[in-house]
């Protein structure tokens, strides 16, 4: 008896509304050189962050500037709002989820005061990074310049 095996695919939608940028444009070598993993960045036009996948919240930073998710198929994604926002010590940030919460693509994760981030952080560019690239077989980035949170597909990832 033969079984057909389908490659698992994960669709990642945009967690923010804004302009899509390459990770190389992020003014932080950890992200720009892909030390945390591959992905892209978004220059937000507002301060709302939603889940890009169906899955589980695995990390919410105490300063509420970043959140880690694990998809139902095991893909791990970090959303890091701005660069050097950790120094804001949570000022202007609000988290709506906690570790262990189940989320669907489009569910509200975080909000932040974009004007405050633009004033106090090095950049508002927000990396969206796959942190466990070892499970990725193939990653296809959509060629788009503008993204709408919760609906615009950013990447299609085939898992091993």
C-alpha atoms as a PDB file:
ATOM      1  CA  UNK A   1       0.000   0.000   0.000  1.00  0.00           C
ATOM      2  CA  UNK A   2       1.374   3.379  -0.995  1.00  0.00           C
ATOM      3  CA  UNK A   3       0.826   6.550   0.979  1.00  0.00           C
ATOM      4  CA  UNK A   4       1.104   9.938  -0.605  1.00  0.00           C
ATOM      5  CA  UNK A   5       3.113  12.417   1.392  1.00  0.00           C
ATOM      6  CA  UNK A   6       2.375  16.068   0.838  1.00  0.00           C
ATOM      7  CA  UNK A   7       4.983  18.601   1.713  1.00  0.00           C
ATOM      8  CA  UNK A   8       3.826  20.730   4.556  1.00  0.00           C
ATOM      9  CA  UNK A   9       3.419  24.388   3.651  1.00  0.00           C
ATOM     10  CA  UNK A  10       3.050  27.323   5.994  1.00  0.00           C
ATOM     11  CA  UNK A  11       1.565  30.601   4.744  1.00  0.00           C
ATOM     12  CA  UNK A  12       2.795  33.674   6.617  1.00  0.00           C
ATOM     13  CA  UNK A  13       0.618  36.778   6.417  1.00  0.00           C
ATOM     14  CA  UNK A  14       1.792  40.229   7.360  1.00  0.00           C
ATOM     15  CA  UNK A  15       1.671  40.997  11.089  1.00  0.00           C
ATOM     16  CA  UNK A  16       1.704  44.760  10.390  1.00  0.00           C
ATOM     17  CA  UNK A  17       0.435  47.267   7.880  1.00  0.00           C
ATOM     18  CA  UNK A  18       3.288  49.031   6.148  1.00  0.00           C
ATOM     19  CA  UNK A  19       6.077  48.926   3.600  1.00  0.00           C
ATOM     20  CA  UNK A  20       7.891  45.621   3.096  1.00  0.00           C
ATOM     21  CA  UNK A  21      11.689  45.820   3.260  1.00  0.00           C
ATOM     22  CA  UNK A  22      14.579  43.400   3.015  1.00  0.00           C
ATOM     23  CA  UNK A  23      16.215  42.307   6.276  1.00  0.00           C
ATOM     24  CA  UNK A  24      19.461  43.757   4.933  1.00  0.00           C
ATOM     25  CA  UNK A  25      17.868  47.227   5.349  1.00  0.00           C
ATOM     26  CA  UNK A  26      17.470  46.781   9.115  1.00  0.00           C
ATOM     27  CA  UNK A  27      20.001  48.987  10.979  1.00  0.00           C
ATOM     28  CA  UNK A  28      21.071  46.166  13.308  1.00  0.00           C
ATOM     29  CA  UNK A  29      23.674  43.566  12.271  1.00  0.00           C
ATOM     30  CA  UNK A  30      21.929  40.760  14.199  1.00  0.00           C
ATOM     31  CA  UNK A  31      18.928  41.069  11.883  1.00  0.00           C
ATOM     32  CA  UNK A  32      20.632  42.446   8.750  1.00  0.00           C
ATOM     33  CA  UNK A  33      23.146  39.573   8.705  1.00  0.00           C
ATOM     34  CA  UNK A  34      20.371  37.065   9.469  1.00  0.00           C
ATOM     35  CA  UNK A  35      21.981  35.846  12.699  1.00  0.00           C
ATOM     36  CA  UNK A  36      18.516  35.336  14.211  1.00  0.00           C
ATOM     37  CA  UNK A  37      17.187  33.783  11.012  1.00  0.00           C
ATOM     38  CA  UNK A  38      15.839  34.693   7.604  1.00  0.00           C
ATOM     39  CA  UNK A  39      12.761  36.766   6.914  1.00  0.00           C
ATOM     40  CA  UNK A  40      11.916  40.350   6.088  1.00  0.00           C
ATOM     41  CA  UNK A  41      11.094  43.649   7.747  1.00  0.00           C
ATOM     42  CA  UNK A  42       8.110  45.964   7.716  1.00  0.00           C
ATOM     43  CA  UNK A  43       8.168  49.746   8.094  1.00  0.00           C
ATOM     44  CA  UNK A  44       4.892  50.111  10.015  1.00  0.00           C
ATOM     45  CA  UNK A  45       2.322  52.773   9.251  1.00  0.00           C
ATOM     46  CA  UNK A  46       0.421  52.146  12.490  1.00  0.00           C
ATOM     47  CA  UNK A  47       1.017  50.466  15.827  1.00  0.00           C
ATOM     48  CA  UNK A  48      -0.915  47.211  15.618  1.00  0.00           C
ATOM     49  CA  UNK A  49       0.701  43.748  15.446  1.00  0.00           C
ATOM     50  CA  UNK A  50      -1.342  40.635  14.623  1.00  0.00           C
ATOM     51  CA  UNK A  51      -0.414  36.986  14.339  1.00  0.00           C
ATOM     52  CA  UNK A  52       0.988  35.994  10.941  1.00  0.00           C
ATOM     53  CA  UNK A  53       0.128  32.299  11.501  1.00  0.00           C
ATOM     54  CA  UNK A  54      -2.105  29.854  13.342  1.00  0.00           C
ATOM     55  CA  UNK A  55      -0.251  28.555  16.362  1.00  0.00           C
ATOM     56  CA  UNK A  56       0.898  29.234  19.895  1.00  0.00           C
ATOM     57  CA  UNK A  57       2.564  32.151  21.647  1.00  0.00           C
ATOM     58  CA  UNK A  58       5.911  30.859  22.934  1.00  0.00           C
ATOM     59  CA  UNK A  59       7.460  34.120  24.094  1.00  0.00           C
ATOM     60  CA  UNK A  60       6.360  37.626  25.020  1.00  0.00           C
ATOM     61  CA  UNK A  61       9.277  39.825  25.995  1.00  0.00           C
ATOM     62  CA  UNK A  62       8.808  41.576  29.369  1.00  0.00           C
ATOM     63  CA  UNK A  63       9.217  44.920  27.571  1.00  0.00           C
ATOM     64  CA  UNK A  64       6.408  43.903  25.168  1.00  0.00           C
ATOM     65  CA  UNK A  65       8.444  44.935  22.101  1.00  0.00           C
ATOM     66  CA  UNK A  66       8.691  41.418  20.675  1.00  0.00           C
ATOM     67  CA  UNK A  67       6.754  38.183  20.516  1.00  0.00           C
ATOM     68  CA  UNK A  68       7.691  34.643  19.506  1.00  0.00           C
ATOM     69  CA  UNK A  69       5.215  32.231  17.900  1.00  0.00           C
ATOM     70  CA  UNK A  70       5.249  28.565  16.907  1.00  0.00           C
ATOM     71  CA  UNK A  71       2.937  27.498  14.108  1.00  0.00           C
ATOM     72  CA  UNK A  72       0.810  24.386  14.307  1.00  0.00           C
ATOM     73  CA  UNK A  73       3.350  22.761  11.959  1.00  0.00           C
ATOM     74  CA  UNK A  74       6.385  23.778  14.042  1.00  0.00           C
ATOM     75  CA  UNK A  75       7.638  26.913  12.268  1.00  0.00           C
ATOM     76  CA  UNK A  76       8.941  29.496  14.756  1.00  0.00           C
ATOM     77  CA  UNK A  77       8.599  33.216  14.052  1.00  0.00           C
ATOM     78  CA  UNK A  78       9.910  36.245  15.930  1.00  0.00           C
ATOM     79  CA  UNK A  79       8.273  39.650  15.458  1.00  0.00           C
ATOM     80  CA  UNK A  80      10.557  42.356  16.866  1.00  0.00           C
ATOM     81  CA  UNK A  81       8.963  45.818  16.837  1.00  0.00           C
ATOM     82  CA  UNK A  82      11.600  48.384  15.917  1.00  0.00           C
ATOM     83  CA  UNK A  83      15.324  48.436  16.608  1.00  0.00           C
ATOM     84  CA  UNK A  84      16.676  49.181  20.102  1.00  0.00           C
ATOM     85  CA  UNK A  85      13.103  49.348  21.420  1.00  0.00           C
ATOM     86  CA  UNK A  86      14.130  47.155  24.367  1.00  0.00           C
ATOM     87  CA  UNK A  87      15.626  50.341  25.854  1.00  0.00           C
ATOM     88  CA  UNK A  88      12.133  51.859  25.994  1.00  0.00           C
ATOM     89  CA  UNK A  89      11.420  49.413  28.859  1.00  0.00           C
ATOM     90  CA  UNK A  90       7.867  48.763  27.636  1.00  0.00           C
ATOM     91  CA  UNK A  91       6.911  52.435  27.355  1.00  0.00           C
ATOM     92  CA  UNK A  92       4.257  52.767  24.670  1.00  0.00           C
ATOM     93  CA  UNK A  93       3.795  48.991  24.257  1.00  0.00           C
ATOM     94  CA  UNK A  94       0.861  46.760  25.189  1.00  0.00           C
ATOM     95  CA  UNK A  95       0.637  42.959  24.943  1.00  0.00           C
ATOM     96  CA  UNK A  96      -2.709  41.235  24.419  1.00  0.00           C
ATOM     97  CA  UNK A  97      -1.411  37.656  24.607  1.00  0.00           C
ATOM     98  CA  UNK A  98       0.660  35.571  26.991  1.00  0.00           C
ATOM     99  CA  UNK A  99       2.829  32.484  26.629  1.00  0.00           C
ATOM    100  CA  UNK A 100       0.693  29.440  25.897  1.00  0.00           C
ATOM    101  CA  UNK A 101      -2.141  31.344  24.206  1.00  0.00           C
ATOM    102  CA  UNK A 102      -3.452  29.859  20.951  1.00  0.00           C
ATOM    103  CA  UNK A 103      -3.740  32.360  18.093  1.00  0.00           C
ATOM    104  CA  UNK A 104      -5.058  32.420  14.560  1.00  0.00           C
ATOM    105  CA  UNK A 105      -3.634  34.500  11.721  1.00  0.00           C
ATOM    106  CA  UNK A 106      -4.970  38.034  12.200  1.00  0.00           C
ATOM    107  CA  UNK A 107      -5.422  37.823  16.005  1.00  0.00           C
ATOM    108  CA  UNK A 108      -4.188  40.877  17.919  1.00  0.00           C
ATOM    109  CA  UNK A 109      -0.802  40.319  19.632  1.00  0.00           C
ATOM    110  CA  UNK A 110       0.657  43.733  20.481  1.00  0.00           C
ATOM    111  CA  UNK A 111       0.064  47.430  20.059  1.00  0.00           C
ATOM    112  CA  UNK A 112       2.570  50.261  20.271  1.00  0.00           C
ATOM    113  CA  UNK A 113       2.784  54.020  19.999  1.00  0.00           C
ATOM    114  CA  UNK A 114       4.400  54.411  16.569  1.00  0.00           C
ATOM    115  CA  UNK A 115       5.252  58.080  17.109  1.00  0.00           C
ATOM    116  CA  UNK A 116       7.007  57.260  20.394  1.00  0.00           C
ATOM    117  CA  UNK A 117       8.964  54.420  18.746  1.00  0.00           C
ATOM    118  CA  UNK A 118       9.991  56.758  15.917  1.00  0.00           C
ATOM    119  CA  UNK A 119      11.203  59.302  18.507  1.00  0.00           C
ATOM    120  CA  UNK A 120      12.952  56.990  20.977  1.00  0.00           C
ATOM    121  CA  UNK A 121      14.176  53.953  19.014  1.00  0.00           C
ATOM    122  CA  UNK A 122      16.923  53.631  16.436  1.00  0.00           C
ATOM    123  CA  UNK A 123      14.323  52.592  13.837  1.00  0.00           C
ATOM    124  CA  UNK A 124      10.699  51.505  13.612  1.00  0.00           C
ATOM    125  CA  UNK A 125      11.600  48.829  11.026  1.00  0.00           C
ATOM    126  CA  UNK A 126      10.113  45.597  12.377  1.00  0.00           C
ATOM    127  CA  UNK A 127      11.865  42.319  11.548  1.00  0.00           C
ATOM    128  CA  UNK A 128       9.669  39.244  10.994  1.00  0.00           C
ATOM    129  CA  UNK A 129      12.106  36.343  11.226  1.00  0.00           C
ATOM    130  CA  UNK A 130      11.935  32.548  10.989  1.00  0.00           C
ATOM    131  CA  UNK A 131      14.101  31.508  13.932  1.00  0.00           C
ATOM    132  CA  UNK A 132      14.224  27.761  13.278  1.00  0.00           C
ATOM    133  CA  UNK A 133      15.368  27.694   9.667  1.00  0.00           C
ATOM    134  CA  UNK A 134      16.514  24.097  10.036  1.00  0.00           C
ATOM    135  CA  UNK A 135      12.888  22.950   9.543  1.00  0.00           C
ATOM    136  CA  UNK A 136      12.541  24.946   6.310  1.00  0.00           C
ATOM    137  CA  UNK A 137      12.925  23.152   2.995  1.00  0.00           C
ATOM    138  CA  UNK A 138      12.040  26.121   0.790  1.00  0.00           C
ATOM    139  CA  UNK A 139      10.937  29.720   1.387  1.00  0.00           C
ATOM    140  CA  UNK A 140       9.170  31.768  -1.279  1.00  0.00           C
ATOM    141  CA  UNK A 141       8.812  35.495  -0.560  1.00  0.00           C
ATOM    142  CA  UNK A 142       6.018  37.316  -2.331  1.00  0.00           C
ATOM    143  CA  UNK A 143       7.293  40.302  -4.305  1.00  0.00           C
ATOM    144  CA  UNK A 144       5.241  43.050  -2.730  1.00  0.00           C
ATOM    145  CA  UNK A 145       6.013  46.535  -1.499  1.00  0.00           C
ATOM    146  CA  UNK A 146       2.946  47.236   0.663  1.00  0.00           C
ATOM    147  CA  UNK A 147       1.385  44.880   3.191  1.00  0.00           C
ATOM    148  CA  UNK A 148      -1.918  44.900   5.040  1.00  0.00           C
ATOM    149  CA  UNK A 149      -1.851  43.239   8.461  1.00  0.00           C
ATOM    150  CA  UNK A 150      -3.680  39.945   8.695  1.00  0.00           C
ATOM    151  CA  UNK A 151      -4.316  39.566   4.957  1.00  0.00           C
ATOM    152  CA  UNK A 152      -1.281  40.155   2.721  1.00  0.00           C
ATOM    153  CA  UNK A 153       0.703  36.955   2.176  1.00  0.00           C
ATOM    154  CA  UNK A 154       4.405  37.653   2.765  1.00  0.00           C
ATOM    155  CA  UNK A 155       5.917  34.179   2.490  1.00  0.00           C
ATOM    156  CA  UNK A 156       5.055  30.601   1.653  1.00  0.00           C
ATOM    157  CA  UNK A 157       7.318  28.179   3.488  1.00  0.00           C
ATOM    158  CA  UNK A 158       7.674  24.486   2.668  1.00  0.00           C
ATOM    159  CA  UNK A 159       8.729  22.513   5.707  1.00  0.00           C
ATOM    160  CA  UNK A 160      10.885  19.395   5.788  1.00  0.00           C
END
